[in-house]
N, C-alpha and C. Protein backbone atom coordinates (compact mmCIF):
# COMPACT_ATOMS: atom_id res chain seq x y z
N MET A 1 25.04 -81.53 86.57
CA MET A 1 25.07 -81.87 85.09
C MET A 1 26.55 -82.38 85.03
N ASN A 2 27.42 -83.10 85.91
CA ASN A 2 28.55 -83.37 85.77
C ASN A 2 28.60 -84.77 85.88
N HIS A 3 27.79 -85.66 85.42
CA HIS A 3 27.66 -87.05 85.62
C HIS A 3 29.10 -87.58 85.30
N TYR A 4 29.66 -87.23 84.35
CA TYR A 4 31.08 -87.95 83.95
C TYR A 4 31.85 -87.66 85.02
N SER A 5 32.15 -86.42 85.66
CA SER A 5 33.30 -86.44 86.39
C SER A 5 33.11 -86.90 87.55
N GLU A 6 31.68 -86.80 88.19
CA GLU A 6 31.18 -87.38 89.33
C GLU A 6 31.39 -89.01 89.31
N LEU A 7 31.43 -89.56 88.45
CA LEU A 7 31.52 -91.01 88.23
C LEU A 7 32.96 -91.37 88.22
N LEU A 8 33.78 -90.57 87.52
CA LEU A 8 35.11 -90.71 87.65
C LEU A 8 35.68 -90.64 88.75
N GLY A 9 35.34 -89.54 89.38
CA GLY A 9 35.80 -89.17 90.86
C GLY A 9 35.59 -90.25 92.02
N TYR A 10 34.07 -90.77 91.70
CA TYR A 10 33.65 -91.83 92.73
C TYR A 10 34.59 -93.10 92.28
N ILE A 11 34.75 -93.80 91.41
CA ILE A 11 35.52 -94.80 91.23
C ILE A 11 36.86 -94.74 91.63
N LYS A 12 37.69 -93.54 91.31
CA LYS A 12 38.71 -93.12 91.60
C LYS A 12 38.85 -93.11 93.43
N GLN A 13 37.93 -92.77 93.97
CA GLN A 13 37.89 -92.61 95.57
C GLN A 13 37.88 -94.11 96.13
N LEU A 14 36.98 -95.04 95.32
CA LEU A 14 37.27 -96.50 95.86
C LEU A 14 38.47 -96.91 95.46
N GLY A 15 39.13 -96.60 94.46
CA GLY A 15 40.40 -97.43 94.02
C GLY A 15 41.43 -96.76 95.23
N GLU A 16 41.28 -95.74 95.61
CA GLU A 16 42.31 -95.15 96.45
C GLU A 16 42.13 -95.74 97.97
N ALA A 17 40.86 -96.08 98.34
CA ALA A 17 40.57 -96.67 99.38
C ALA A 17 41.01 -98.29 99.53
N ASP A 18 41.28 -98.74 98.25
CA ASP A 18 41.83 -100.42 98.19
C ASP A 18 43.02 -100.49 98.63
N PRO A 19 43.51 -101.28 99.50
CA PRO A 19 44.63 -101.39 100.07
C PRO A 19 45.69 -102.06 98.97
N PHE A 20 45.16 -102.83 97.97
CA PHE A 20 46.06 -103.14 96.78
C PHE A 20 46.36 -102.51 95.63
N VAL A 21 45.60 -101.33 95.46
CA VAL A 21 45.64 -100.44 94.33
C VAL A 21 46.93 -99.32 94.66
N ASN A 22 47.66 -99.11 93.67
CA ASN A 22 48.99 -98.36 93.83
C ASN A 22 48.84 -97.04 93.01
N THR A 23 48.19 -97.20 91.65
CA THR A 23 48.11 -96.25 90.60
C THR A 23 46.72 -96.21 90.06
N ILE A 24 46.19 -95.28 89.79
CA ILE A 24 45.03 -94.91 89.45
C ILE A 24 45.02 -94.06 88.10
N THR A 25 44.52 -94.47 87.18
CA THR A 25 44.76 -93.80 85.82
C THR A 25 43.22 -93.60 85.19
N GLN A 26 43.04 -92.69 84.14
CA GLN A 26 41.66 -92.62 83.36
C GLN A 26 42.09 -92.47 81.93
N GLY A 27 41.32 -92.79 81.17
CA GLY A 27 41.38 -92.44 79.67
C GLY A 27 41.35 -93.70 78.77
N ASP A 28 41.86 -93.49 77.64
CA ASP A 28 41.76 -94.74 76.84
C ASP A 28 42.65 -95.80 77.31
N PHE A 29 42.18 -97.13 76.89
CA PHE A 29 43.08 -98.04 77.65
C PHE A 29 44.32 -98.27 76.70
N GLU A 30 44.34 -97.93 75.38
CA GLU A 30 45.49 -97.73 74.53
C GLU A 30 46.64 -97.08 75.22
N ASP A 31 46.29 -96.19 76.06
CA ASP A 31 47.38 -95.32 76.81
C ASP A 31 47.67 -95.66 78.34
N VAL A 32 47.14 -97.03 78.75
CA VAL A 32 47.37 -97.27 80.31
C VAL A 32 48.74 -97.25 80.60
N ASP A 33 49.44 -97.95 79.87
CA ASP A 33 50.85 -98.08 80.52
C ASP A 33 51.89 -97.08 79.89
N LEU A 34 51.60 -96.30 79.47
CA LEU A 34 52.76 -95.29 78.82
C LEU A 34 53.57 -94.68 80.01
N ASP A 35 53.12 -94.50 81.09
CA ASP A 35 54.08 -93.97 82.50
C ASP A 35 55.04 -94.88 82.94
N LYS A 36 56.39 -94.78 82.50
CA LYS A 36 57.33 -95.74 83.01
C LYS A 36 57.36 -95.67 84.42
N TYR A 37 56.80 -94.75 85.35
CA TYR A 37 56.92 -94.67 86.94
C TYR A 37 55.60 -95.27 87.63
N ASN A 38 54.60 -95.72 86.87
CA ASN A 38 53.30 -96.52 87.35
C ASN A 38 53.83 -97.52 88.32
N LEU A 39 53.07 -97.51 89.58
CA LEU A 39 53.42 -98.55 90.52
C LEU A 39 52.03 -99.46 90.33
N TYR A 40 52.49 -100.81 90.38
CA TYR A 40 51.45 -101.89 90.15
C TYR A 40 50.99 -102.24 91.53
N PRO A 41 50.10 -102.80 91.78
CA PRO A 41 48.75 -102.78 90.87
C PRO A 41 48.21 -101.54 90.45
N LEU A 42 47.74 -101.46 89.24
CA LEU A 42 46.99 -100.28 88.56
C LEU A 42 45.56 -100.40 88.47
N LEU A 43 45.02 -99.39 88.68
CA LEU A 43 43.54 -99.34 88.19
C LEU A 43 43.07 -98.19 87.31
N HIS A 44 42.67 -98.85 86.19
CA HIS A 44 42.26 -97.82 85.00
C HIS A 44 41.00 -97.68 84.82
N ILE A 45 40.30 -96.46 84.45
CA ILE A 45 38.90 -96.25 84.25
C ILE A 45 38.67 -95.66 83.10
N GLN A 46 37.90 -96.20 82.05
CA GLN A 46 37.50 -95.59 80.63
C GLN A 46 35.86 -95.56 80.70
N ILE A 47 35.58 -94.55 80.28
CA ILE A 47 34.20 -94.33 79.99
C ILE A 47 33.97 -94.33 78.33
N ASN A 48 33.39 -95.34 78.07
CA ASN A 48 33.52 -95.64 76.50
C ASN A 48 32.26 -94.75 75.84
N GLY A 49 31.13 -94.32 76.44
CA GLY A 49 30.17 -93.66 75.65
C GLY A 49 28.95 -93.72 76.52
N GLY A 50 27.87 -93.13 75.98
CA GLY A 50 26.34 -93.41 76.63
C GLY A 50 25.43 -92.99 75.84
N ASN A 51 24.32 -92.97 76.61
CA ASN A 51 22.96 -92.68 76.05
C ASN A 51 22.20 -91.40 77.02
N LEU A 52 21.40 -90.67 76.08
CA LEU A 52 20.67 -89.81 77.04
C LEU A 52 19.41 -90.24 76.77
N ASN A 53 18.61 -90.48 78.17
CA ASN A 53 17.36 -91.19 78.21
C ASN A 53 16.15 -90.28 78.24
N ASN A 54 15.61 -89.79 77.60
CA ASN A 54 14.49 -89.01 77.28
C ASN A 54 14.56 -87.89 78.49
N GLY A 55 15.81 -87.25 78.73
CA GLY A 55 15.88 -86.20 79.51
C GLY A 55 15.54 -86.75 81.06
N GLN A 56 15.46 -87.67 81.26
CA GLN A 56 15.23 -88.39 82.89
C GLN A 56 16.44 -88.98 83.46
N ALA A 57 17.43 -89.39 82.56
CA ALA A 57 18.56 -90.19 83.04
C ALA A 57 19.62 -90.20 81.88
N ILE A 58 20.77 -90.66 82.32
CA ILE A 58 21.85 -90.68 81.41
C ILE A 58 22.57 -92.03 81.69
N THR A 59 22.88 -92.76 80.70
CA THR A 59 23.54 -94.11 80.71
C THR A 59 24.64 -93.77 80.31
N LEU A 60 25.87 -94.26 81.01
CA LEU A 60 27.17 -94.29 80.84
C LEU A 60 27.83 -95.70 80.77
N SER A 61 28.68 -96.21 79.69
CA SER A 61 29.32 -97.47 79.62
C SER A 61 30.77 -97.35 80.03
N VAL A 62 30.90 -98.14 81.38
CA VAL A 62 32.22 -97.91 81.95
C VAL A 62 33.05 -99.12 81.71
N GLN A 63 34.27 -99.06 81.70
CA GLN A 63 35.27 -100.11 81.68
C GLN A 63 36.27 -99.82 82.60
N ILE A 64 36.46 -100.68 83.60
CA ILE A 64 37.62 -100.63 84.75
C ILE A 64 38.41 -101.82 84.57
N GLY A 65 39.89 -101.42 84.43
CA GLY A 65 40.73 -102.57 84.46
C GLY A 65 41.57 -102.63 85.61
N CYS A 66 41.99 -103.65 86.01
CA CYS A 66 42.84 -103.62 87.16
C CYS A 66 44.24 -104.75 86.80
N LEU A 67 45.24 -104.10 86.81
CA LEU A 67 46.56 -104.75 86.16
C LEU A 67 47.54 -104.78 87.19
N GLN A 68 48.41 -105.94 86.86
CA GLN A 68 49.56 -106.09 87.83
C GLN A 68 50.71 -106.46 86.83
N GLN A 69 52.04 -106.30 87.05
CA GLN A 69 52.91 -106.35 86.28
C GLN A 69 53.46 -107.83 86.58
N ARG A 70 53.83 -108.43 85.46
CA ARG A 70 54.38 -110.01 85.26
C ARG A 70 55.95 -109.97 85.73
N SER A 71 56.29 -110.99 86.57
CA SER A 71 57.38 -111.05 86.83
C SER A 71 57.89 -112.60 86.64
N SER A 72 58.67 -112.99 86.42
CA SER A 72 59.58 -114.39 86.11
C SER A 72 60.90 -114.74 86.80
N VAL A 73 60.71 -115.94 87.06
CA VAL A 73 61.84 -116.57 87.89
C VAL A 73 62.54 -117.47 87.13
N ASN A 74 63.71 -117.51 87.28
CA ASN A 74 64.92 -118.41 86.60
C ASN A 74 64.91 -119.86 87.34
N GLU A 75 63.93 -120.43 87.16
CA GLU A 75 64.10 -121.98 87.94
C GLU A 75 63.66 -122.95 87.02
N LYS A 76 63.76 -124.32 87.37
CA LYS A 76 63.25 -125.26 86.39
C LYS A 76 61.80 -125.03 86.20
N PRO A 77 61.60 -125.12 84.73
CA PRO A 77 60.37 -124.67 84.40
C PRO A 77 59.34 -125.69 84.94
N ASP A 78 57.89 -125.45 85.13
CA ASP A 78 56.82 -125.85 85.77
C ASP A 78 55.96 -125.88 84.66
N LYS A 79 55.50 -126.72 84.05
CA LYS A 79 54.58 -127.02 82.75
C LYS A 79 53.13 -126.16 83.33
N PHE A 80 52.73 -126.43 84.21
CA PHE A 80 51.28 -125.93 84.72
C PHE A 80 51.54 -124.55 85.10
N TRP A 81 52.24 -124.15 86.09
CA TRP A 81 52.35 -122.84 86.73
C TRP A 81 53.10 -122.09 85.81
N ASP A 82 53.96 -122.49 85.24
CA ASP A 82 55.08 -121.67 84.12
C ASP A 82 55.99 -121.18 85.41
N ASN A 83 56.87 -120.21 84.87
CA ASN A 83 57.92 -119.64 85.95
C ASN A 83 57.60 -118.19 86.00
N ASP A 84 56.22 -117.84 86.34
CA ASP A 84 56.11 -116.29 86.61
C ASP A 84 54.65 -116.24 87.65
N ASN A 85 54.46 -115.06 87.64
CA ASN A 85 53.26 -114.87 88.61
C ASN A 85 51.96 -114.52 87.93
N GLU A 86 51.71 -115.21 86.77
CA GLU A 86 50.59 -114.77 86.00
C GLU A 86 49.32 -115.27 86.81
N VAL A 87 49.15 -116.39 87.62
CA VAL A 87 48.18 -116.76 88.14
C VAL A 87 47.73 -115.91 89.41
N ASP A 88 49.00 -115.33 90.29
CA ASP A 88 48.82 -114.65 91.37
C ASP A 88 48.21 -113.43 90.93
N ASN A 89 48.77 -112.83 89.90
CA ASN A 89 48.25 -111.40 89.26
C ASN A 89 46.80 -111.44 88.93
N LEU A 90 46.47 -112.50 88.13
CA LEU A 90 44.79 -112.51 88.02
C LEU A 90 43.86 -112.85 89.26
N ASN A 91 44.54 -113.70 90.31
CA ASN A 91 43.78 -113.65 91.48
C ASN A 91 43.65 -112.14 92.02
N GLU A 92 44.81 -111.46 92.42
CA GLU A 92 44.86 -110.41 92.92
C GLU A 92 43.90 -109.23 92.44
N THR A 93 44.07 -109.18 90.89
CA THR A 93 43.29 -108.12 90.24
C THR A 93 41.82 -108.35 90.26
N LEU A 94 41.54 -109.66 90.31
CA LEU A 94 40.09 -110.15 90.35
C LEU A 94 39.47 -109.67 91.62
N ALA A 95 40.08 -110.04 92.59
CA ALA A 95 39.74 -109.53 94.09
C ALA A 95 39.58 -108.04 94.13
N VAL A 96 40.36 -107.19 93.55
CA VAL A 96 40.34 -105.83 93.49
C VAL A 96 38.78 -105.49 92.96
N LEU A 97 38.78 -106.13 91.71
CA LEU A 97 37.41 -105.56 90.91
C LEU A 97 36.23 -105.98 91.60
N ASN A 98 36.42 -107.35 92.35
CA ASN A 98 35.01 -107.85 92.82
C ASN A 98 34.76 -106.83 94.05
N ARG A 99 35.70 -106.68 94.93
CA ARG A 99 35.65 -105.35 96.07
C ARG A 99 34.89 -104.19 95.55
N LEU A 100 35.47 -103.65 94.44
CA LEU A 100 35.00 -102.41 93.83
C LEU A 100 33.62 -102.57 93.45
N TRP A 101 33.26 -103.80 92.65
CA TRP A 101 31.73 -103.93 92.12
C TRP A 101 30.95 -103.97 93.33
N LEU A 102 31.30 -104.93 94.23
CA LEU A 102 30.13 -104.88 95.37
C LEU A 102 29.94 -103.76 96.03
N ILE A 103 30.87 -102.81 96.21
CA ILE A 103 30.78 -101.63 97.07
C ILE A 103 29.88 -100.85 95.96
N MET A 104 30.49 -100.65 94.89
CA MET A 104 29.33 -99.94 93.64
C MET A 104 28.02 -100.30 93.54
N TYR A 105 28.10 -101.45 93.44
CA TYR A 105 26.46 -101.97 93.35
C TYR A 105 25.73 -101.68 94.59
N ARG A 106 26.30 -101.73 95.65
CA ARG A 106 25.17 -101.41 96.74
C ARG A 106 25.27 -99.81 96.79
N ASP A 107 26.16 -99.17 96.69
CA ASP A 107 26.05 -97.55 96.54
C ASP A 107 25.14 -97.26 95.52
N PHE A 108 25.32 -98.00 94.35
CA PHE A 108 24.17 -97.22 93.38
C PHE A 108 22.91 -97.54 93.85
N ASP A 109 22.49 -98.67 94.14
CA ASP A 109 21.17 -98.98 94.76
C ASP A 109 20.76 -97.75 95.73
N ARG A 110 21.61 -97.31 96.74
CA ARG A 110 21.18 -96.30 97.57
C ARG A 110 20.96 -94.91 97.22
N ASN A 111 21.64 -94.85 95.82
CA ASN A 111 21.52 -93.36 95.39
C ASN A 111 20.70 -93.40 94.08
N ASN A 112 19.82 -94.35 93.85
CA ASN A 112 18.86 -94.11 92.65
C ASN A 112 19.35 -94.22 91.26
N ILE A 113 20.59 -94.85 91.28
CA ILE A 113 21.55 -95.34 89.95
C ILE A 113 21.28 -96.96 89.60
N THR A 114 21.19 -97.07 88.54
CA THR A 114 20.94 -98.61 88.07
C THR A 114 22.15 -98.96 87.51
N ALA A 115 22.50 -100.26 87.59
CA ALA A 115 23.83 -100.62 86.80
C ALA A 115 23.50 -102.24 86.41
N SER A 116 24.33 -102.45 85.49
CA SER A 116 24.44 -103.84 84.87
C SER A 116 24.07 -104.95 85.94
N GLU A 117 23.43 -105.77 85.77
CA GLU A 117 23.16 -106.83 86.82
C GLU A 117 24.39 -107.97 86.73
N ASN A 118 24.91 -108.35 85.62
CA ASN A 118 26.00 -109.29 85.68
C ASN A 118 26.95 -108.85 84.57
N PRO A 119 27.77 -107.78 85.04
CA PRO A 119 28.84 -107.14 84.23
C PRO A 119 29.79 -108.40 83.72
N PRO A 120 30.38 -108.30 82.71
CA PRO A 120 31.45 -109.32 82.21
C PRO A 120 32.82 -108.84 82.54
N LEU A 121 33.65 -109.97 82.74
CA LEU A 121 35.01 -109.83 83.14
C LEU A 121 35.64 -110.30 82.01
N GLU A 122 36.85 -109.57 81.43
CA GLU A 122 37.56 -110.19 80.40
C GLU A 122 38.97 -110.08 80.79
N PRO A 123 39.66 -111.36 80.60
CA PRO A 123 41.21 -111.40 81.21
C PRO A 123 42.12 -110.37 80.27
N MET A 124 43.11 -110.00 80.91
CA MET A 124 44.09 -109.22 80.21
C MET A 124 45.57 -109.88 80.47
N ILE A 125 45.95 -110.76 79.45
CA ILE A 125 47.31 -111.58 79.66
C ILE A 125 48.41 -111.04 79.07
N ASN A 126 49.33 -110.64 79.84
CA ASN A 126 50.72 -110.25 79.21
C ASN A 126 50.41 -109.13 78.26
N ALA A 127 49.61 -108.17 78.74
CA ALA A 127 49.31 -106.99 77.95
C ALA A 127 50.38 -105.91 77.90
N TYR A 128 50.22 -105.01 76.86
CA TYR A 128 51.01 -103.82 76.98
C TYR A 128 52.60 -104.18 76.87
N ASP A 129 53.36 -103.23 77.02
CA ASP A 129 55.00 -103.20 76.82
C ASP A 129 55.37 -103.86 78.14
N ASN A 130 54.91 -103.74 79.34
CA ASN A 130 55.13 -103.96 80.53
C ASN A 130 54.91 -105.38 81.01
N GLY A 131 54.20 -106.03 80.25
CA GLY A 131 53.79 -107.41 80.52
C GLY A 131 52.58 -107.42 81.67
N LEU A 132 51.66 -106.64 81.58
CA LEU A 132 50.72 -106.84 82.39
C LEU A 132 49.69 -107.83 82.68
N ASP A 133 49.17 -108.29 83.78
CA ASP A 133 48.03 -109.28 83.67
C ASP A 133 46.98 -108.77 84.60
N GLY A 134 45.78 -109.15 84.24
CA GLY A 134 44.70 -108.54 85.23
C GLY A 134 43.22 -108.80 84.54
N TRP A 135 42.24 -108.04 84.71
CA TRP A 135 41.09 -108.14 84.13
C TRP A 135 40.58 -106.91 83.68
N ALA A 136 39.49 -106.91 83.01
CA ALA A 136 38.71 -105.61 82.65
C ALA A 136 37.06 -106.05 82.83
N LEU A 137 36.55 -105.12 83.48
CA LEU A 137 35.22 -105.20 84.24
C LEU A 137 34.45 -104.20 83.31
N THR A 138 33.35 -104.50 82.82
CA THR A 138 32.62 -103.67 81.75
C THR A 138 31.19 -103.61 82.08
N PHE A 139 30.42 -102.39 82.62
CA PHE A 139 29.34 -102.34 82.86
C PHE A 139 28.64 -100.97 82.41
N ASP A 140 27.30 -100.93 82.63
CA ASP A 140 26.69 -99.59 82.28
C ASP A 140 25.87 -99.14 83.55
N VAL A 141 26.04 -97.77 83.85
CA VAL A 141 25.25 -97.22 84.96
C VAL A 141 24.18 -96.18 84.17
N THR A 142 23.06 -96.32 84.84
CA THR A 142 22.36 -95.20 84.52
C THR A 142 21.83 -94.27 85.60
N MET A 143 22.13 -92.95 85.45
CA MET A 143 22.08 -92.21 86.66
C MET A 143 20.76 -91.18 86.31
N PRO A 144 20.21 -90.84 87.42
CA PRO A 144 19.11 -89.78 87.27
C PRO A 144 19.56 -88.46 86.72
N ASN A 145 18.85 -87.86 86.05
CA ASN A 145 19.18 -86.46 85.46
C ASN A 145 18.31 -85.34 86.36
N THR A 146 19.03 -85.30 87.49
CA THR A 146 18.11 -84.24 88.49
C THR A 146 18.52 -82.65 88.20
N VAL A 147 19.35 -82.38 87.41
CA VAL A 147 19.79 -80.95 87.24
C VAL A 147 18.77 -80.32 86.18
N ILE A 148 18.62 -80.87 84.91
CA ILE A 148 17.82 -80.32 83.96
C ILE A 148 16.52 -80.74 84.11
N ASN A 149 15.67 -79.71 83.92
CA ASN A 149 14.15 -79.87 84.08
C ASN A 149 13.64 -79.34 82.73
N LEU A 150 12.83 -80.32 81.99
CA LEU A 150 12.30 -80.15 80.71
C LEU A 150 11.25 -79.26 80.74
N CYS A 151 10.67 -78.85 81.97
CA CYS A 151 9.60 -78.10 82.21
C CYS A 151 9.69 -76.61 82.44
N ARG A 152 11.09 -76.23 82.35
CA ARG A 152 11.23 -74.93 82.84
C ARG A 152 11.64 -74.20 81.52
């Protein structure tokens, strides 16, 4: 009956195994960049809510963000690329989320967990106080409720 903590722990474990992720946090996205000692790229997990499905399963809405800190260089301005690493940040963080999603989707299928088929990605450009770039991936997972038996 610990679907919430199992899901958080599972995603955290995947983030720890990713070679590009340096910090993993969880909670409200409004609080993602409050720690001045974060090492980027940062993976942030938020579970937004859920549904109880007739005692048979629990559906949770998950949002995972991967963010990298923006840096600028003092060179002659380039009108297309700008003078920062925004494009690199978006490429790197998208690759992290793509890897995580592919692993999760495969593992969910093996464990009788249903996930969104085509989860949306939302860019996060120059977000928060530290000027972070990245993506947020939002999806639902439906996990079987194997602990509670309504017949007992």
